[in-house]
Amino acid sequence: MIRAPLAGTPPGDASAPVLAIVHDLLWAHAVPADGLEHVTLRPAEHGLYAFFFLRAPSDADALLSTRAVLDRSRSPLASLGYWAADPFR
């Protein structure tokens, strides 16, 4: 499991519809090679936390897959007022 912060300052709180859109957006930008099995979102003080559950041979590979999904999702996330903080920190 990798916890990746999605910082953001969209208007209002992250409502259920926004969480559903971000969830679907992350899935839409994952590819089979990422090994993504499940993603869960939780509101945070300044954005969201995305919890990625991945099938990967090592923690390093799971981090790389998480970064790849977030990189591919960058533009659509930005359109919703979110940006991915580096999960490697």
PDB file of N, CA and C in Angstrom:
ATOM      1  N   MET A   1       0.842  -1.163   0.000  1.00  0.00           N
ATOM      2  CA  MET A   1       0.000   0.000   0.000  1.00  0.00           C
ATOM      3  C   MET A   1       0.892   1.233   0.000  1.00  0.00           C
ATOM      4  N   ILE A   2       0.538   2.187  -0.840  1.00  0.00           N
ATOM      5  CA  ILE A   2       1.244   3.461  -0.916  1.00  0.00           C
ATOM      6  C   ILE A   2       0.237   4.567  -0.642  1.00  0.00           C
ATOM      7  N   ARG A   3       0.567   5.457   0.294  1.00  0.00           N
ATOM      8  CA  ARG A   3      -0.277   6.624   0.557  1.00  0.00           C
ATOM      9  C   ARG A   3       0.319   7.803  -0.194  1.00  0.00           C
ATOM     10  N   ALA A   4      -0.470   8.389  -1.070  1.00  0.00           N
ATOM     11  CA  ALA A   4      -0.012   9.528  -1.872  1.00  0.00           C
ATOM     12  C   ALA A   4      -0.902  10.726  -1.589  1.00  0.00           C
ATOM     13  N   PRO A   5      -0.313  11.818  -1.113  1.00  0.00           N
ATOM     14  CA  PRO A   5      -1.121  13.013  -0.888  1.00  0.00           C
ATOM     15  C   PRO A   5      -1.461  13.708  -2.200  1.00  0.00           C
ATOM     16  N   LEU A   6      -2.694  14.135  -2.297  1.00  0.00           N
ATOM     17  CA  LEU A   6      -3.139  14.954  -3.419  1.00  0.00           C
ATOM     18  C   LEU A   6      -3.497  16.306  -2.823  1.00  0.00           C
ATOM     19  N   ALA A   7      -2.602  17.253  -2.952  1.00  0.00           N
ATOM     20  CA  ALA A   7      -2.835  18.576  -2.402  1.00  0.00           C
ATOM     21  C   ALA A   7      -3.833  19.306  -3.273  1.00  0.00           C
ATOM     22  N   GLY A   8      -4.536  20.229  -2.668  1.00  0.00           N
ATOM     23  CA  GLY A   8      -5.475  20.999  -3.464  1.00  0.00           C
ATOM     24  C   GLY A   8      -6.240  22.003  -2.644  1.00  0.00           C
ATOM     25  N   THR A   9      -6.746  22.942  -3.329  1.00  0.00           N
ATOM     26  CA  THR A   9      -7.562  23.959  -2.684  1.00  0.00           C
ATOM     27  C   THR A   9      -8.819  24.218  -3.498  1.00  0.00           C
ATOM     28  N   PRO A  10      -9.505  23.134  -3.913  1.00  0.00           N
ATOM     29  CA  PRO A  10     -10.741  23.359  -4.654  1.00  0.00           C
ATOM     30  C   PRO A  10     -11.790  23.971  -3.730  1.00  0.00           C
ATOM     31  N   PRO A  11     -12.753  24.681  -4.289  1.00  0.00           N
ATOM     32  CA  PRO A  11     -13.777  25.272  -3.445  1.00  0.00           C
ATOM     33  C   PRO A  11     -14.580  24.217  -2.705  1.00  0.00           C
ATOM     34  N   GLY A  12     -14.813  24.450  -1.442  1.00  0.00           N
ATOM     35  CA  GLY A  12     -15.602  23.519  -0.635  1.00  0.00           C
ATOM     36  C   GLY A  12     -14.828  22.268  -0.274  1.00  0.00           C
ATOM     37  N   ASP A  13     -15.493  21.429   0.494  1.00  0.00           N
ATOM     38  CA  ASP A  13     -14.888  20.168   0.903  1.00  0.00           C
ATOM     39  C   ASP A  13     -14.990  19.142  -0.214  1.00  0.00           C
ATOM     40  N   ALA A  14     -14.155  18.128  -0.113  1.00  0.00           N
ATOM     41  CA  ALA A  14     -14.208  17.038  -1.088  1.00  0.00           C
ATOM     42  C   ALA A  14     -15.487  16.234  -0.825  1.00  0.00           C
ATOM     43  N   SER A  15     -16.468  16.449  -1.658  1.00  0.00           N
ATOM     44  CA  SER A  15     -17.749  15.759  -1.508  1.00  0.00           C
ATOM     45  C   SER A  15     -17.659  14.368  -2.120  1.00  0.00           C
ATOM     46  N   ALA A  16     -18.673  13.578  -1.856  1.00  0.00           N
ATOM     47  CA  ALA A  16     -18.709  12.223  -2.412  1.00  0.00           C
ATOM     48  C   ALA A  16     -18.592  12.227  -3.935  1.00  0.00           C
ATOM     49  N   PRO A  17     -19.289  13.144  -4.647  1.00  0.00           N
ATOM     50  CA  PRO A  17     -19.125  13.144  -6.113  1.00  0.00           C
ATOM     51  C   PRO A  17     -17.693  13.467  -6.548  1.00  0.00           C
ATOM     52  N   VAL A  18     -17.030  14.384  -5.859  1.00  0.00           N
ATOM     53  CA  VAL A  18     -15.641  14.720  -6.210  1.00  0.00           C
ATOM     54  C   VAL A  18     -14.740  13.523  -5.948  1.00  0.00           C
ATOM     55  N   LEU A  19     -14.923  12.857  -4.816  1.00  0.00           N
ATOM     56  CA  LEU A  19     -14.125  11.669  -4.519  1.00  0.00           C
ATOM     57  C   LEU A  19     -14.336  10.604  -5.587  1.00  0.00           C
ATOM     58  N   ALA A  20     -15.557  10.426  -6.027  1.00  0.00           N
ATOM     59  CA  ALA A  20     -15.851   9.423  -7.064  1.00  0.00           C
ATOM     60  C   ALA A  20     -15.168   9.784  -8.378  1.00  0.00           C
ATOM     61  N   ILE A  21     -15.175  11.065  -8.731  1.00  0.00           N
ATOM     62  CA  ILE A  21     -14.540  11.495  -9.980  1.00  0.00           C
ATOM     63  C   ILE A  21     -13.031  11.277  -9.910  1.00  0.00           C
ATOM     64  N   VAL A  22     -12.405  11.664  -8.792  1.00  0.00           N
ATOM     65  CA  VAL A  22     -10.950  11.478  -8.652  1.00  0.00           C
ATOM     66  C   VAL A  22     -10.615   9.986  -8.668  1.00  0.00           C
ATOM     67  N   HIS A  23     -11.405   9.190  -7.997  1.00  0.00           N
ATOM     68  CA  HIS A  23     -11.203   7.735  -7.976  1.00  0.00           C
ATOM     69  C   HIS A  23     -11.222   7.179  -9.400  1.00  0.00           C
ATOM     70  N   ASP A  24     -12.263   7.531 -10.146  1.00  0.00           N
ATOM     71  CA  ASP A  24     -12.387   7.034 -11.517  1.00  0.00           C
ATOM     72  C   ASP A  24     -11.265   7.554 -12.410  1.00  0.00           C
ATOM     73  N   LEU A  25     -10.870   8.792 -12.179  1.00  0.00           N
ATOM     74  CA  LEU A  25      -9.792   9.394 -12.959  1.00  0.00           C
ATOM     75  C   LEU A  25      -8.477   8.629 -12.740  1.00  0.00           C
ATOM     76  N   LEU A  26      -8.189   8.277 -11.501  1.00  0.00           N
ATOM     77  CA  LEU A  26      -6.956   7.524 -11.220  1.00  0.00           C
ATOM     78  C   LEU A  26      -7.007   6.149 -11.891  1.00  0.00           C
ATOM     79  N   TRP A  27      -8.154   5.481 -11.813  1.00  0.00           N
ATOM     80  CA  TRP A  27      -8.294   4.177 -12.474  1.00  0.00           C
ATOM     81  C   TRP A  27      -8.150   4.310 -13.984  1.00  0.00           C
ATOM     82  N   ALA A  28      -8.697   5.370 -14.542  1.00  0.00           N
ATOM     83  CA  ALA A  28      -8.649   5.557 -15.991  1.00  0.00           C
ATOM     84  C   ALA A  28      -7.228   5.764 -16.497  1.00  0.00           C
ATOM     85  N   HIS A  29      -6.335   6.229 -15.633  1.00  0.00           N
ATOM     86  CA  HIS A  29      -4.963   6.495 -16.051  1.00  0.00           C
ATOM     87  C   HIS A  29      -3.983   5.412 -15.601  1.00  0.00           C
ATOM     88  N   ALA A  30      -4.505   4.347 -15.011  1.00  0.00           N
ATOM     89  CA  ALA A  30      -3.671   3.198 -14.664  1.00  0.00           C
ATOM     90  C   ALA A  30      -3.637   2.243 -15.851  1.00  0.00           C
ATOM     91  N   VAL A  31      -2.509   1.580 -16.014  1.00  0.00           N
ATOM     92  CA  VAL A  31      -2.372   0.553 -17.047  1.00  0.00           C
ATOM     93  C   VAL A  31      -2.101  -0.774 -16.351  1.00  0.00           C
ATOM     94  N   PRO A  32      -2.358  -1.899 -17.007  1.00  0.00           N
ATOM     95  CA  PRO A  32      -2.150  -3.189 -16.350  1.00  0.00           C
ATOM     96  C   PRO A  32      -0.764  -3.362 -15.727  1.00  0.00           C
ATOM     97  N   ALA A  33       0.251  -2.829 -16.372  1.00  0.00           N
ATOM     98  CA  ALA A  33       1.613  -2.977 -15.843  1.00  0.00           C
ATOM     99  C   ALA A  33       1.807  -2.293 -14.495  1.00  0.00           C
ATOM    100  N   ASP A  34       0.928  -1.361 -14.137  1.00  0.00           N
ATOM    101  CA  ASP A  34       1.035  -0.688 -12.839  1.00  0.00           C
ATOM    102  C   ASP A  34       0.711  -1.634 -11.684  1.00  0.00           C
ATOM    103  N   GLY A  35      -0.057  -2.663 -11.950  1.00  0.00           N
ATOM    104  CA  GLY A  35      -0.417  -3.615 -10.897  1.00  0.00           C
ATOM    105  C   GLY A  35      -1.420  -3.068  -9.895  1.00  0.00           C
ATOM    106  N   LEU A  36      -2.163  -2.040 -10.269  1.00  0.00           N
ATOM    107  CA  LEU A  36      -3.131  -1.441  -9.359  1.00  0.00           C
ATOM    108  C   LEU A  36      -4.286  -2.401  -9.126  1.00  0.00           C
ATOM    109  N   GLU A  37      -4.542  -2.686  -7.859  1.00  0.00           N
ATOM    110  CA  GLU A  37      -5.643  -3.574  -7.499  1.00  0.00           C
ATOM    111  C   GLU A  37      -6.802  -2.819  -6.855  1.00  0.00           C
ATOM    112  N   HIS A  38      -6.480  -1.738  -6.159  1.00  0.00           N
ATOM    113  CA  HIS A  38      -7.516  -1.001  -5.438  1.00  0.00           C
ATOM    114  C   HIS A  38      -6.985   0.393  -5.143  1.00  0.00           C
ATOM    115  N   VAL A  39      -7.865   1.376  -5.155  1.00  0.00           N
ATOM    116  CA  VAL A  39      -7.495   2.729  -4.735  1.00  0.00           C
ATOM    117  C   VAL A  39      -8.632   3.268  -3.872  1.00  0.00           C
ATOM    118  N   THR A  40      -8.255   3.890  -2.769  1.00  0.00           N
ATOM    119  CA  THR A  40      -9.207   4.486  -1.837  1.00  0.00           C
ATOM    120  C   THR A  40      -8.796   5.930  -1.601  1.00  0.00           C
ATOM    121  N   LEU A  41      -9.761   6.809  -1.503  1.00  0.00           N
ATOM    122  CA  LEU A  41      -9.493   8.230  -1.244  1.00  0.00           C
ATOM    123  C   LEU A  41     -10.091   8.635   0.090  1.00  0.00           C
ATOM    124  N   ARG A  42      -9.359   9.497   0.797  1.00  0.00           N
ATOM    125  CA  ARG A  42      -9.835  10.051   2.057  1.00  0.00           C
ATOM    126  C   ARG A  42      -9.562  11.548   2.055  1.00  0.00           C
ATOM    127  N   PRO A  43     -10.535  12.341   2.478  1.00  0.00           N
ATOM    128  CA  PRO A  43     -10.275  13.777   2.593  1.00  0.00           C
ATOM    129  C   PRO A  43      -9.168  14.049   3.609  1.00  0.00           C
ATOM    130  N   ALA A  44      -8.383  15.058   3.332  1.00  0.00           N
ATOM    131  CA  ALA A  44      -7.311  15.496   4.234  1.00  0.00           C
ATOM    132  C   ALA A  44      -7.478  16.997   4.448  1.00  0.00           C
ATOM    133  N   GLU A  45      -6.715  17.538   5.354  1.00  0.00           N
ATOM    134  CA  GLU A  45      -6.857  18.957   5.689  1.00  0.00           C
ATOM    135  C   GLU A  45      -6.674  19.861   4.473  1.00  0.00           C
ATOM    136  N   HIS A  46      -5.717  19.558   3.639  1.00  0.00           N
ATOM    137  CA  HIS A  46      -5.432  20.391   2.469  1.00  0.00           C
ATOM    138  C   HIS A  46      -5.471  19.579   1.182  1.00  0.00           C
ATOM    139  N   GLY A  47      -6.506  18.778   1.008  1.00  0.00           N
ATOM    140  CA  GLY A  47      -6.632  17.980  -0.202  1.00  0.00           C
ATOM    141  C   GLY A  47      -7.181  16.599   0.094  1.00  0.00           C
ATOM    142  N   LEU A  48      -6.524  15.612  -0.475  1.00  0.00           N
ATOM    143  CA  LEU A  48      -6.941  14.218  -0.326  1.00  0.00           C
ATOM    144  C   LEU A  48      -5.728  13.340  -0.081  1.00  0.00           C
ATOM    145  N   TYR A  49      -5.979  12.169   0.485  1.00  0.00           N
ATOM    146  CA  TYR A  49      -4.986  11.104   0.482  1.00  0.00           C
ATOM    147  C   TYR A  49      -5.510  10.016  -0.443  1.00  0.00           C
ATOM    148  N   ALA A  50      -4.667   9.567  -1.341  1.00  0.00           N
ATOM    149  CA  ALA A  50      -4.986   8.428  -2.193  1.00  0.00           C
ATOM    150  C   ALA A  50      -4.179   7.242  -1.673  1.00  0.00           C
ATOM    151  N   PHE A  51      -4.856   6.166  -1.363  1.00  0.00           N
ATOM    152  CA  PHE A  51      -4.198   4.944  -0.907  1.00  0.00           C
ATOM    153  C   PHE A  51      -4.240   3.954  -2.063  1.00  0.00           C
ATOM    154  N   PHE A  52      -3.063   3.642  -2.589  1.00  0.00           N
ATOM    155  CA  PHE A  52      -2.929   2.734  -3.718  1.00  0.00           C
ATOM    156  C   PHE A  52      -2.535   1.350  -3.200  1.00  0.00           C
ATOM    157  N   PHE A  53      -3.290   0.359  -3.583  1.00  0.00           N
ATOM    158  CA  PHE A  53      -2.959  -1.029  -3.274  1.00  0.00           C
ATOM    159  C   PHE A  53      -2.522  -1.656  -4.592  1.00  0.00           C
ATOM    160  N   LEU A  54      -1.248  -2.058  -4.630  1.00  0.00           N
ATOM    161  CA  LEU A  54      -0.656  -2.534  -5.879  1.00  0.00           C
ATOM    162  C   LEU A  54      -0.042  -3.912  -5.713  1.00  0.00           C
ATOM    163  N   ARG A  55      -0.045  -4.634  -6.795  1.00  0.00           N
ATOM    164  CA  ARG A  55       0.681  -5.896  -6.892  1.00  0.00           C
ATOM    165  C   ARG A  55       2.041  -5.534  -7.488  1.00  0.00           C
ATOM    166  N   ALA A  56       3.094  -5.662  -6.673  1.00  0.00           N
ATOM    167  CA  ALA A  56       4.429  -5.278  -7.140  1.00  0.00           C
ATOM    168  C   ALA A  56       5.464  -6.156  -6.455  1.00  0.00           C
ATOM    169  N   PRO A  57       6.591  -6.426  -7.136  1.00  0.00           N
ATOM    170  CA  PRO A  57       7.614  -7.297  -6.548  1.00  0.00           C
ATOM    171  C   PRO A  57       8.375  -6.646  -5.391  1.00  0.00           C
ATOM    172  N   SER A  58       8.323  -5.320  -5.280  1.00  0.00           N
ATOM    173  CA  SER A  58       9.044  -4.651  -4.194  1.00  0.00           C
ATOM    174  C   SER A  58       8.368  -3.323  -3.880  1.00  0.00           C
ATOM    175  N   ASP A  59       8.745  -2.752  -2.732  1.00  0.00           N
ATOM    176  CA  ASP A  59       8.224  -1.433  -2.362  1.00  0.00           C
ATOM    177  C   ASP A  59       8.651  -0.389  -3.390  1.00  0.00           C
ATOM    178  N   ALA A  60       9.870  -0.491  -3.859  1.00  0.00           N
ATOM    179  CA  ALA A  60      10.369   0.474  -4.847  1.00  0.00           C
ATOM    180  C   ALA A  60       9.534   0.412  -6.124  1.00  0.00           C
ATOM    181  N   ASP A  61       9.181  -0.794  -6.565  1.00  0.00           N
ATOM    182  CA  ASP A  61       8.352  -0.940  -7.763  1.00  0.00           C
ATOM    183  C   ASP A  61       6.950  -0.383  -7.527  1.00  0.00           C
ATOM    184  N   ALA A  62       6.411  -0.577  -6.330  1.00  0.00           N
ATOM    185  CA  ALA A  62       5.092  -0.025  -6.011  1.00  0.00           C
ATOM    186  C   ALA A  62       5.123   1.497  -6.047  1.00  0.00           C
ATOM    187  N   LEU A  63       6.193   2.087  -5.532  1.00  0.00           N
ATOM    188  CA  LEU A  63       6.332   3.549  -5.586  1.00  0.00           C
ATOM    189  C   LEU A  63       6.441   4.052  -7.019  1.00  0.00           C
ATOM    190  N   LEU A  64       7.192   3.339  -7.838  1.00  0.00           N
ATOM    191  CA  LEU A  64       7.322   3.733  -9.246  1.00  0.00           C
ATOM    192  C   LEU A  64       5.978   3.652  -9.972  1.00  0.00           C
ATOM    193  N   SER A  65       5.212   2.619  -9.692  1.00  0.00           N
ATOM    194  CA  SER A  65       3.901   2.474 -10.316  1.00  0.00           C
ATOM    195  C   SER A  65       2.959   3.587  -9.861  1.00  0.00           C
ATOM    196  N   THR A  66       3.016   3.909  -8.573  1.00  0.00           N
ATOM    197  CA  THR A  66       2.187   4.995  -8.050  1.00  0.00           C
ATOM    198  C   THR A  66       2.545   6.306  -8.732  1.00  0.00           C
ATOM    199  N   ARG A  67       3.825   6.582  -8.823  1.00  0.00           N
ATOM    200  CA  ARG A  67       4.277   7.814  -9.477  1.00  0.00           C
ATOM    201  C   ARG A  67       3.804   7.840 -10.939  1.00  0.00           C
ATOM    202  N   ALA A  68       3.855   6.711 -11.631  1.00  0.00           N
ATOM    203  CA  ALA A  68       3.440   6.661 -13.037  1.00  0.00           C
ATOM    204  C   ALA A  68       1.951   6.985 -13.178  1.00  0.00           C
ATOM    205  N   VAL A  69       1.120   6.404 -12.316  1.00  0.00           N
ATOM    206  CA  VAL A  69      -0.313   6.691 -12.375  1.00  0.00           C
ATOM    207  C   VAL A  69      -0.558   8.173 -12.103  1.00  0.00           C
ATOM    208  N   LEU A  70       0.108   8.712 -11.095  1.00  0.00           N
ATOM    209  CA  LEU A  70      -0.067  10.123 -10.756  1.00  0.00           C
ATOM    210  C   LEU A  70       0.431  11.036 -11.871  1.00  0.00           C
ATOM    211  N   ASP A  71       1.540  10.674 -12.494  1.00  0.00           N
ATOM    212  CA  ASP A  71       2.061  11.478 -13.609  1.00  0.00           C
ATOM    213  C   ASP A  71       1.073  11.501 -14.779  1.00  0.00           C
ATOM    214  N   ARG A  72       0.509  10.336 -15.094  1.00  0.00           N
ATOM    215  CA  ARG A  72      -0.452  10.277 -16.202  1.00  0.00           C
ATOM    216  C   ARG A  72      -1.750  11.013 -15.865  1.00  0.00           C
ATOM    217  N   SER A  73      -2.032  11.159 -14.573  1.00  0.00           N
ATOM    218  CA  SER A  73      -3.270  11.807 -14.120  1.00  0.00           C
ATOM    219  C   SER A  73      -3.099  13.299 -13.864  1.00  0.00           C
ATOM    220  N   ARG A  74      -1.905  13.810 -14.044  1.00  0.00           N
ATOM    221  CA  ARG A  74      -1.591  15.194 -13.647  1.00  0.00           C
ATOM    222  C   ARG A  74      -2.572  16.227 -14.205  1.00  0.00           C
ATOM    223  N   SER A  75      -2.776  16.232 -15.494  1.00  0.00           N
ATOM    224  CA  SER A  75      -3.627  17.260 -16.111  1.00  0.00           C
ATOM    225  C   SER A  75      -5.086  17.158 -15.661  1.00  0.00           C
ATOM    226  N   PRO A  76      -5.690  15.965 -15.676  1.00  0.00           N
ATOM    227  CA  PRO A  76      -7.073  15.881 -15.208  1.00  0.00           C
ATOM    228  C   PRO A  76      -7.223  16.236 -13.725  1.00  0.00           C
ATOM    229  N   LEU A  77      -6.244  15.843 -12.903  1.00  0.00           N
ATOM    230  CA  LEU A  77      -6.289  16.222 -11.490  1.00  0.00           C
ATOM    231  C   LEU A  77      -6.259  17.738 -11.343  1.00  0.00           C
ATOM    232  N   ALA A  78      -5.404  18.380 -12.121  1.00  0.00           N
ATOM    233  CA  ALA A  78      -5.290  19.839 -12.054  1.00  0.00           C
ATOM    234  C   ALA A  78      -6.602  20.508 -12.433  1.00  0.00           C
ATOM    235  N   SER A  79      -7.325  19.926 -13.371  1.00  0.00           N
ATOM    236  CA  SER A  79      -8.599  20.523 -13.770  1.00  0.00           C
ATOM    237  C   SER A  79      -9.621  20.485 -12.635  1.00  0.00           C
ATOM    238  N   LEU A  80      -9.402  19.597 -11.657  1.00  0.00           N
ATOM    239  CA  LEU A  80     -10.275  19.511 -10.485  1.00  0.00           C
ATOM    240  C   LEU A  80      -9.702  20.273  -9.290  1.00  0.00           C
ATOM    241  N   GLY A  81      -8.531  20.886  -9.473  1.00  0.00           N
ATOM    242  CA  GLY A  81      -7.922  21.668  -8.398  1.00  0.00           C
ATOM    243  C   GLY A  81      -6.981  20.891  -7.508  1.00  0.00           C
ATOM    244  N   TYR A  82      -6.533  19.711  -7.955  1.00  0.00           N
ATOM    245  CA  TYR A  82      -5.620  18.882  -7.158  1.00  0.00           C
ATOM    246  C   TYR A  82      -4.302  18.689  -7.896  1.00  0.00           C
ATOM    247  N   TRP A  83      -3.265  18.472  -7.144  1.00  0.00           N
ATOM    248  CA  TRP A  83      -1.993  18.083  -7.729  1.00  0.00           C
ATOM    249  C   TRP A  83      -1.360  17.058  -6.805  1.00  0.00           C
ATOM    250  N   ALA A  84      -0.609  16.166  -7.401  1.00  0.00           N
ATOM    251  CA  ALA A  84      -0.006  15.051  -6.674  1.00  0.00           C
ATOM    252  C   ALA A  84       1.295  15.503  -6.051  1.00  0.00           C
ATOM    253  N   ALA A  85       1.379  15.341  -4.745  1.00  0.00           N
ATOM    254  CA  ALA A  85       2.645  15.558  -4.051  1.00  0.00           C
ATOM    255  C   ALA A  85       3.479  14.292  -4.265  1.00  0.00           C
ATOM    256  N   ASP A  86       4.766  14.407  -4.097  1.00  0.00           N
ATOM    257  CA  ASP A  86       5.664  13.280  -4.369  1.00  0.00           C
ATOM    258  C   ASP A  86       5.482  12.174  -3.320  1.00  0.00           C
ATOM    259  N   PRO A  87       5.029  10.970  -3.728  1.00  0.00           N
ATOM    260  CA  PRO A  87       4.858   9.884  -2.763  1.00  0.00           C
ATOM    261  C   PRO A  87       6.170   9.331  -2.234  1.00  0.00           C
ATOM    262  N   PHE A  88       7.295   9.777  -2.778  1.00  0.00           N
ATOM    263  CA  PHE A  88       8.591   9.271  -2.324  1.00  0.00           C
ATOM    264  C   PHE A  88       9.084   9.964  -1.066  1.00  0.00           C
ATOM    265  N   ARG A  89       8.411  11.034  -0.653  1.00  0.00           N
ATOM    266  CA  ARG A  89       8.835  11.745   0.567  1.00  0.00           C
ATOM    267  C   ARG A  89       8.415  11.026   1.792  1.00  0.00           C
TER     268      ARG A  89
END
